[in-house]
Amino acid sequence: MYDIIVGNEPTSPIPRRTAMDELYGRYHGRILVLAARSTEDGAWKAKLREILAEFDDDCRELSAADNRLLRYELASQMEHDVLRFSDPTKRAVLAIALKHFDDG
């Protein structure tokens, strides 16, 4: 998890990005962007289904414990994100994603 650099460089541990970090950032960002751009016409629903299906596919490569942890962390973040929006459509995007992560 950490690289230690010796020589003239610092010897303190430098964390490397993990697969979970990358997945968290990728899917949190994509869902937030979708929520921010969503409109009442419902066109966002197909895109959200696509994003969540890709997420499920990517999670198959994680251990069961990492899968549960990633879903928990994303669900927790989505709970906070829902409160940032007053628009019901944007909140719906986040609420559906939250339910998906909770049910996983």
Protein backbone atom coordinates (compact mmCIF):
# COMPACT_ATOMS: atom_id res chain seq x y z
CA MET A 1 0.00 0.00 0.00
CA TYR A 2 2.91 2.36 0.57
CA ASP A 3 6.12 3.07 -1.31
CA ILE A 4 9.18 4.05 0.67
CA ILE A 5 11.67 6.18 -1.17
CA VAL A 6 15.30 6.20 -0.06
CA GLY A 7 18.28 8.33 -0.97
CA ASN A 8 17.82 12.08 -1.26
CA GLU A 9 14.05 11.81 -1.20
CA PRO A 10 11.78 11.60 1.87
CA THR A 11 11.50 8.25 3.59
CA SER A 12 7.95 8.76 4.84
CA PRO A 13 5.37 6.43 3.31
CA ILE A 14 3.64 7.72 0.19
CA PRO A 15 0.22 6.10 -0.30
CA ARG A 16 -0.57 4.72 -3.72
CA ARG A 17 -4.04 5.02 -5.18
CA THR A 18 -5.90 1.80 -4.82
CA ALA A 19 -8.49 0.32 -7.13
CA MET A 20 -11.14 1.28 -4.59
CA ASP A 21 -9.99 4.91 -4.54
CA GLU A 22 -10.15 5.06 -8.30
CA LEU A 23 -13.60 3.46 -8.44
CA TYR A 24 -14.91 5.73 -5.69
CA GLY A 25 -13.68 8.85 -7.48
CA ARG A 26 -14.87 7.72 -10.89
CA TYR A 27 -18.40 6.79 -9.90
CA HIS A 28 -18.98 9.52 -7.34
CA GLY A 29 -17.91 12.08 -9.92
CA ARG A 30 -19.98 10.62 -12.75
CA ILE A 31 -23.12 10.45 -10.63
CA LEU A 32 -22.68 14.00 -9.33
CA VAL A 33 -22.22 15.35 -12.84
CA LEU A 34 -25.29 13.45 -14.01
CA ALA A 35 -27.33 14.79 -11.09
CA ALA A 36 -26.20 18.36 -11.78
CA ARG A 37 -27.13 18.07 -15.47
CA SER A 38 -30.36 16.10 -15.04
CA THR A 39 -33.63 17.53 -16.28
CA GLU A 40 -37.28 16.71 -15.72
CA ASP A 41 -37.55 14.88 -19.06
CA GLY A 42 -36.06 11.75 -17.46
CA ALA A 43 -33.34 11.28 -20.06
CA TRP A 44 -30.91 10.83 -17.16
CA LYS A 45 -32.50 7.51 -16.14
CA ALA A 46 -30.90 5.48 -18.93
CA LYS A 47 -27.51 7.08 -18.27
CA LEU A 48 -27.79 6.33 -14.55
CA ARG A 49 -28.66 2.68 -15.29
CA GLU A 50 -25.60 2.51 -17.54
CA ILE A 51 -23.31 4.03 -14.88
CA LEU A 52 -24.61 1.70 -12.16
CA ALA A 53 -24.25 -1.37 -14.43
CA GLU A 54 -20.63 -0.39 -15.16
CA PHE A 55 -20.08 0.06 -11.42
CA ASP A 56 -21.41 -3.44 -10.73
CA ASP A 57 -19.14 -4.87 -13.42
CA ASP A 58 -16.11 -3.11 -11.97
CA CYS A 59 -16.97 -4.27 -8.44
CA ARG A 60 -16.82 -7.91 -9.54
CA GLU A 61 -13.04 -7.54 -9.61
CA LEU A 62 -12.93 -6.51 -5.92
CA SER A 63 -12.94 -8.82 -2.94
CA ALA A 64 -16.31 -9.18 -1.18
CA ALA A 65 -15.05 -7.06 1.71
CA ASP A 66 -13.78 -4.29 -0.57
CA ASN A 67 -17.03 -4.40 -2.56
CA ARG A 68 -19.08 -3.89 0.63
CA LEU A 69 -16.78 -1.12 1.86
CA LEU A 70 -16.88 0.76 -1.45
CA ARG A 71 -20.67 0.54 -1.58
CA TYR A 72 -20.93 1.71 2.03
CA GLU A 73 -18.64 4.68 1.40
CA LEU A 74 -20.46 5.72 -1.76
CA ALA A 75 -23.86 5.33 -0.07
CA SER A 76 -22.70 7.48 2.84
CA GLN A 77 -21.45 10.15 0.47
CA MET A 78 -24.67 10.06 -1.57
CA GLU A 79 -26.67 10.68 1.62
CA HIS A 80 -24.71 13.92 2.08
CA ASP A 81 -24.90 14.85 -1.60
CA VAL A 82 -28.70 14.52 -1.68
CA LEU A 83 -28.90 17.35 0.86
CA ARG A 84 -26.92 19.68 -1.42
CA PHE A 85 -29.63 19.81 -4.06
CA SER A 86 -33.11 21.28 -3.73
CA ASP A 87 -34.26 20.27 -7.22
CA PRO A 88 -36.32 17.05 -6.97
CA THR A 89 -34.93 15.64 -10.23
CA LYS A 90 -31.34 16.06 -9.14
CA ARG A 91 -32.16 14.57 -5.75
CA ALA A 92 -33.84 11.61 -7.48
CA VAL A 93 -30.64 10.77 -9.36
CA LEU A 94 -28.70 10.66 -6.10
CA ALA A 95 -31.43 8.82 -4.19
CA ILE A 96 -31.59 6.05 -6.80
CA ALA A 97 -27.81 5.71 -6.75
CA LEU A 98 -27.90 5.64 -2.94
CA LYS A 99 -30.46 2.84 -2.97
CA HIS A 100 -28.38 0.90 -5.48
CA PHE A 101 -25.29 1.12 -3.29
CA ASP A 102 -27.26 0.23 -0.15
CA ASP A 103 -28.91 -2.77 -1.79
CA GLY A 104 -25.68 -4.12 -3.28
